[in-house]
C-alpha atoms as a PDB file:
ATOM      1  CA  MET A   1     -12.589  -4.584  -6.323  1.00  0.00           C
ATOM      2  CA  LEU A   2      -9.384  -2.919  -7.160  1.00  0.00           C
ATOM      3  CA  ILE A   3      -5.775  -4.850  -6.700  1.00  0.00           C
ATOM      4  CA  ILE A   4      -2.871  -2.454  -7.230  1.00  0.00           C
ATOM      5  CA  GLU A   5       0.734  -4.183  -7.212  1.00  0.00           C
ATOM      6  CA  VAL A   6       3.546  -2.075  -6.480  1.00  0.00           C
ATOM      7  CA  THR A   7       6.299  -3.294  -8.184  1.00  0.00           C
ATOM      8  CA  ASN A   8       9.090  -0.768  -7.524  1.00  0.00           C
ATOM      9  CA  SER A   9       9.059  -0.553  -3.751  1.00  0.00           C
ATOM     10  CA  ARG A  10      12.717  -1.079  -3.370  1.00  0.00           C
ATOM     11  CA  GLU A  11      13.630   1.766  -5.771  1.00  0.00           C
ATOM     12  CA  VAL A  12      11.043   4.202  -3.847  1.00  0.00           C
ATOM     13  CA  MET A  13      12.526   3.151  -0.537  1.00  0.00           C
ATOM     14  CA  ARG A  14      16.123   3.384  -1.967  1.00  0.00           C
ATOM     15  CA  LYS A  15      15.353   7.246  -3.061  1.00  0.00           C
ATOM     16  CA  ARG A  16      13.771   7.776   0.134  1.00  0.00           C
ATOM     17  CA  ILE A  17      16.353   6.709   2.434  1.00  0.00           C
ATOM     18  CA  GLY A  18      19.388   6.967   0.293  1.00  0.00           C
ATOM     19  CA  ARG A  19      22.447   5.172  -0.468  1.00  0.00           C
ATOM     20  CA  LEU A  20      23.600   4.689   3.338  1.00  0.00           C
ATOM     21  CA  GLY A  21      19.989   3.156   4.411  1.00  0.00           C
ATOM     22  CA  GLU A  22      19.966   1.166   1.191  1.00  0.00           C
ATOM     23  CA  ARG A  23      21.882  -1.888   3.129  1.00  0.00           C
ATOM     24  CA  LEU A  24      18.830  -1.857   5.454  1.00  0.00           C
ATOM     25  CA  ILE A  25      16.306  -2.629   2.596  1.00  0.00           C
ATOM     26  CA  GLY A  26      15.367  -6.436   3.476  1.00  0.00           C
ATOM     27  CA  LYS A  27      16.784  -6.358   6.690  1.00  0.00           C
ATOM     28  CA  VAL A  28      15.279  -3.696   9.078  1.00  0.00           C
ATOM     29  CA  VAL A  29      13.115  -2.111   6.856  1.00  0.00           C
ATOM     30  CA  ASP A  30      10.277  -3.954   4.776  1.00  0.00           C
ATOM     31  CA  ALA A  31      10.221  -1.770   1.734  1.00  0.00           C
ATOM     32  CA  GLU A  32       6.835  -3.354   0.365  1.00  0.00           C
ATOM     33  CA  ALA A  33       5.137  -2.725   3.737  1.00  0.00           C
ATOM     34  CA  GLU A  34       6.478   0.956   3.976  1.00  0.00           C
ATOM     35  CA  VAL A  35       5.571   2.096   0.529  1.00  0.00           C
ATOM     36  CA  GLU A  36       1.894   0.681   1.137  1.00  0.00           C
ATOM     37  CA  LYS A  37       1.321   2.485   4.275  1.00  0.00           C
ATOM     38  CA  VAL A  38       2.166   5.675   2.753  1.00  0.00           C
ATOM     39  CA  LEU A  39       0.125   4.670  -0.522  1.00  0.00           C
ATOM     40  CA  MET A  40      -2.845   3.814   2.104  1.00  0.00           C
ATOM     41  CA  GLN A  41      -2.769   7.293   3.474  1.00  0.00           C
ATOM     42  CA  GLU A  42      -2.655   8.967   0.277  1.00  0.00           C
ATOM     43  CA  MET A  43      -5.524   6.760  -1.065  1.00  0.00           C
ATOM     44  CA  GLU A  44      -7.360   7.571   2.291  1.00  0.00           C
ATOM     45  CA  THR A  45      -7.358  11.231   1.972  1.00  0.00           C
ATOM     46  CA  ALA A  46      -8.121  11.113  -1.990  1.00  0.00           C
ATOM     47  CA  PHE A  47     -11.041   9.009  -1.059  1.00  0.00           C
ATOM     48  CA  GLN A  48     -12.411  11.063   1.682  1.00  0.00           C
ATOM     49  CA  GLU A  49     -12.282  14.436  -0.450  1.00  0.00           C
ATOM     50  CA  PHE A  50     -14.026  12.398  -3.105  1.00  0.00           C
ATOM     51  CA  GLY A  51     -16.658  11.347  -0.727  1.00  0.00           C
ATOM     52  CA  ILE A  52     -15.833   7.676  -0.849  1.00  0.00           C
ATOM     53  CA  GLU A  53     -16.179   5.251   1.922  1.00  0.00           C
ATOM     54  CA  ALA A  54     -13.800   2.063   1.462  1.00  0.00           C
ATOM     55  CA  ARG A  55     -11.965  -0.566   3.422  1.00  0.00           C
ATOM     56  CA  ILE A  56      -8.171  -0.527   2.076  1.00  0.00           C
ATOM     57  CA  VAL A  57      -6.199  -3.824   2.990  1.00  0.00           C
ATOM     58  CA  SER A  58      -2.550  -4.478   2.613  1.00  0.00           C
ATOM     59  CA  VAL A  59      -1.553  -8.215   2.553  1.00  0.00           C
ATOM     60  CA  GLN A  60       1.446 -10.134   2.042  1.00  0.00           C
ATOM     61  CA  GLY A  61       0.920 -13.073  -0.346  1.00  0.00           C
ATOM     62  CA  PRO A  62      -0.527 -12.554  -3.239  1.00  0.00           C
ATOM     63  CA  LYS A  63       1.340 -12.866  -6.495  1.00  0.00           C
ATOM     64  CA  LEU A  64       0.174 -11.915 -10.030  1.00  0.00           C
ATOM     65  CA  LYS A  65       1.196 -14.847 -12.524  1.00  0.00           C
ATOM     66  CA  ASP A  66       1.359 -13.704 -16.393  1.00  0.00           C
ATOM     67  CA  ASP A  67      -1.392 -11.448 -17.255  1.00  0.00           C
ATOM     68  CA  ASP A  68      -4.487 -13.513 -16.044  1.00  0.00           C
ATOM     69  CA  HIS A  69      -3.767 -15.529 -12.791  1.00  0.00           C
ATOM     70  CA  LEU A  70      -3.530 -14.257  -9.192  1.00  0.00           C
ATOM     71  CA  GLU A  71      -2.460 -16.783  -6.563  1.00  0.00           C
ATOM     72  CA  LEU A  72      -4.018 -15.770  -3.031  1.00  0.00           C
ATOM     73  CA  PRO A  73      -2.106 -17.100  -0.091  1.00  0.00           C
ATOM     74  CA  LEU A  74      -2.390 -13.942   2.091  1.00  0.00           C
ATOM     75  CA  GLN A  75      -1.629 -12.310   5.447  1.00  0.00           C
ATOM     76  CA  VAL A  76      -3.153  -9.163   6.359  1.00  0.00           C
ATOM     77  CA  ARG A  77      -0.565  -6.620   7.234  1.00  0.00           C
ATOM     78  CA  GLU A  78      -2.802  -3.525   7.803  1.00  0.00           C
ATOM     79  CA  ASP A  79      -6.428  -3.053   7.330  1.00  0.00           C
ATOM     80  CA  ARG A  80      -7.962   0.395   7.045  1.00  0.00           C
ATOM     81  CA  GLU A  81     -11.491   1.538   7.010  1.00  0.00           C
ATOM     82  CA  VAL A  82     -12.308   5.112   5.038  1.00  0.00           C
ATOM     83  CA  GLN A  83     -15.053   6.806   6.706  1.00  0.00           C
ATOM     84  CA  LEU A  84     -16.029  10.410   5.644  1.00  0.00           C
ATOM     85  CA  ARG A  85     -15.193  12.871   8.249  1.00  0.00           C
ATOM     86  CA  GLU A  86     -17.799  15.578   9.388  1.00  0.00           C
ATOM     87  CA  GLY A  87     -18.140  18.905   7.654  1.00  0.00           C
ATOM     88  CA  LEU A  88     -16.390  17.070   4.374  1.00  0.00           C
ATOM     89  CA  GLU A  89     -19.276  15.531   2.946  1.00  0.00           C
ATOM     90  CA  LYS A  90     -20.846  17.098  -0.212  1.00  0.00           C
END
């Protein structure tokens, strides 16, 4: 199992929406959820190209504490099954 924590989602969104939209981050735009949605799409494409079937789940709640602890109160934001497309199997 992999756990990926995006640690700069606000900065990524700031670059994508510019200074004018910066004020919306956290009010109208959930930077973490938006970055995770794009990351999930990119991972799905890469997994399909490699012939990997997987389940990618975006959740709200887990926090990494220090280097060896993970707190797990979570709420699922998005759940995506990655299936191989016909003709892409190798």
